């Protein structure tokens, strides 16, 4: 049926426009680097809070993994999903546990992240790396 118009199908992938791809790469780098104010400004201007890259890593995953608690808070405040796993089944919480980022772990737990979710889960990750303080925090 040609000629029909309607809403564009929902996709988490940016359009293949080089400028859009360049902008997405920049925002991922900002999240990875913990540039909280700039990430917030981009999301406030319309970049999806749950934007993910070609591996399924969201802005939140990158900020959590790299230990940027303030950026994690800002993304959560703007609707980022604390429970969303990447394409390998890893959650932002498990990433923060792997890196030993206790403040990020606490922020994600407050936002409803499940320490038993994902593969490996945050609990499994804490056990693998002997992070007993985090296991205590999880009640495991």
Protein backbone atom coordinates (compact mmCIF):
# COMPACT_ATOMS: atom_id res chain seq x y z
CA UNK A 1 0.00 0.00 0.00
CA UNK A 2 1.82 3.04 -1.16
CA UNK A 3 0.94 6.55 -0.27
CA UNK A 4 -0.02 5.77 3.32
CA UNK A 5 1.51 7.90 5.99
CA UNK A 6 1.62 7.25 9.65
CA UNK A 7 3.97 7.17 12.54
CA UNK A 8 7.43 5.85 11.82
CA UNK A 9 8.05 2.42 13.27
CA UNK A 10 9.74 2.54 16.65
CA UNK A 11 13.40 1.68 16.47
CA UNK A 12 16.20 2.03 18.92
CA UNK A 13 18.70 2.30 16.11
CA UNK A 14 19.60 5.76 14.88
CA UNK A 15 18.87 6.53 11.28
CA UNK A 16 21.72 5.83 8.89
CA UNK A 17 22.22 9.55 8.34
CA UNK A 18 25.93 10.17 9.01
CA UNK A 19 25.15 13.26 11.09
CA UNK A 20 22.75 11.29 13.29
CA UNK A 21 25.29 8.50 13.73
CA UNK A 22 27.97 11.05 14.60
CA UNK A 23 25.68 12.67 17.19
CA UNK A 24 24.85 9.28 18.72
CA UNK A 25 28.55 8.41 18.95
CA UNK A 26 29.19 11.74 20.65
CA UNK A 27 26.44 11.18 23.23
CA UNK A 28 27.75 7.66 23.97
CA UNK A 29 31.22 9.15 24.53
CA UNK A 30 29.75 11.80 26.84
CA UNK A 31 27.99 9.12 28.91
CA UNK A 32 31.15 7.01 28.99
CA UNK A 33 33.13 10.06 30.12
CA UNK A 34 30.62 11.20 32.74
CA UNK A 35 29.80 14.59 31.22
CA UNK A 36 26.58 14.76 33.22
CA UNK A 37 25.39 18.24 32.27
CA UNK A 38 25.90 17.70 28.54
CA UNK A 39 24.25 14.26 28.59
CA UNK A 40 21.29 15.82 30.42
CA UNK A 41 21.07 18.62 27.86
CA UNK A 42 21.06 16.17 24.95
CA UNK A 43 18.38 13.99 26.54
CA UNK A 44 16.33 17.08 27.40
CA UNK A 45 16.65 18.11 23.73
CA UNK A 46 15.25 14.80 22.51
CA UNK A 47 17.96 12.13 22.54
CA UNK A 48 16.25 9.01 23.95
CA UNK A 49 17.27 8.26 27.54
CA UNK A 50 17.41 4.57 26.55
CA UNK A 51 19.44 5.07 23.38
CA UNK A 52 21.57 1.99 22.76
CA UNK A 53 24.51 1.24 20.52
CA UNK A 54 25.05 -1.69 18.17
CA UNK A 55 25.84 -3.97 21.15
CA UNK A 56 22.74 -2.96 23.07
CA UNK A 57 24.69 -0.89 25.58
CA UNK A 58 22.55 2.03 26.70
CA UNK A 59 23.79 5.43 27.82
CA UNK A 60 23.01 4.22 31.34
CA UNK A 61 25.11 1.07 30.90
CA UNK A 62 28.10 3.10 29.73
CA UNK A 63 27.80 5.64 32.54
CA UNK A 64 27.35 2.89 35.15
CA UNK A 65 30.23 0.76 33.89
CA UNK A 66 32.57 3.75 33.93
CA UNK A 67 31.55 4.77 37.46
CA UNK A 68 29.69 8.03 36.84
CA UNK A 69 27.02 8.03 39.55
CA UNK A 70 25.82 11.57 38.78
CA UNK A 71 25.35 10.75 35.09
CA UNK A 72 23.52 7.55 36.08
CA UNK A 73 21.18 9.62 38.32
CA UNK A 74 20.50 12.15 35.57
CA UNK A 75 19.66 9.43 33.06
CA UNK A 76 17.41 7.62 35.53
CA UNK A 77 15.65 10.90 36.34
CA UNK A 78 14.96 11.26 32.62
CA UNK A 79 13.47 7.81 32.17
CA UNK A 80 16.41 5.49 31.53
CA UNK A 81 15.57 1.86 32.33
CA UNK A 82 17.69 0.62 35.26
CA UNK A 83 16.88 -2.99 34.41
CA UNK A 84 17.61 -3.06 30.68
CA UNK A 85 20.25 -5.60 29.67
CA UNK A 86 22.53 -5.30 26.65
CA UNK A 87 22.67 -7.84 23.83
CA UNK A 88 24.89 -10.13 25.94
CA UNK A 89 22.41 -10.14 28.83
CA UNK A 90 24.52 -7.86 31.02
CA UNK A 91 22.81 -5.22 33.14
CA UNK A 92 24.09 -1.81 34.21
CA UNK A 93 24.10 -3.11 37.79
CA UNK A 94 26.31 -6.08 36.93
CA UNK A 95 28.65 -3.73 35.04
CA UNK A 96 28.95 -1.46 38.06
CA UNK A 97 29.59 -4.46 40.31
CA UNK A 98 32.29 -5.75 37.93
CA UNK A 99 34.03 -2.38 38.13
CA UNK A 100 33.54 -2.08 41.91
CA UNK A 101 31.52 1.13 41.62
CA UNK A 102 29.60 1.00 44.90
CA UNK A 103 28.00 4.45 44.60
CA UNK A 104 26.64 3.55 41.15
CA UNK A 105 25.40 0.23 42.54
CA UNK A 106 23.47 2.06 45.27
CA UNK A 107 21.94 4.51 42.77
CA UNK A 108 20.81 1.66 40.51
CA UNK A 109 19.37 -0.34 43.41
CA UNK A 110 17.39 2.70 44.53
CA UNK A 111 16.02 2.94 40.97
CA UNK A 112 14.79 -0.66 41.09
CA UNK A 113 17.64 -2.59 39.47
CA UNK A 114 17.39 -6.31 40.25
CA UNK A 115 20.68 -7.84 41.45
CA UNK A 116 19.50 -11.28 40.29
CA UNK A 117 18.76 -10.18 36.70
CA UNK A 118 21.02 -10.70 33.72
CA UNK A 119 23.77 -13.10 32.84
CA UNK A 120 25.90 -13.04 34.76
CA UNK A 121 23.76 -11.28 37.36
CA UNK A 122 25.13 -8.64 39.70
CA UNK A 123 25.05 -11.25 42.47
CA UNK A 124 27.02 -13.73 40.34
CA UNK A 125 29.49 -11.00 39.41
CA UNK A 126 29.97 -9.99 43.04
CA UNK A 127 30.63 -13.62 43.95
CA UNK A 128 33.10 -14.09 41.08
CA UNK A 129 35.13 -11.07 42.13
CA UNK A 130 34.83 -11.46 45.91
CA UNK A 131 32.89 -8.24 46.40
CA UNK A 132 31.44 -9.32 49.74
CA UNK A 133 30.33 -5.79 50.67
CA UNK A 134 28.09 -5.75 47.60
CA UNK A 135 26.75 -9.23 48.33
CA UNK A 136 25.77 -7.93 51.76
CA UNK A 137 24.10 -4.94 50.11
CA UNK A 138 22.14 -7.35 47.87
CA UNK A 139 21.15 -9.52 50.84
CA UNK A 140 22.84 -12.49 49.15
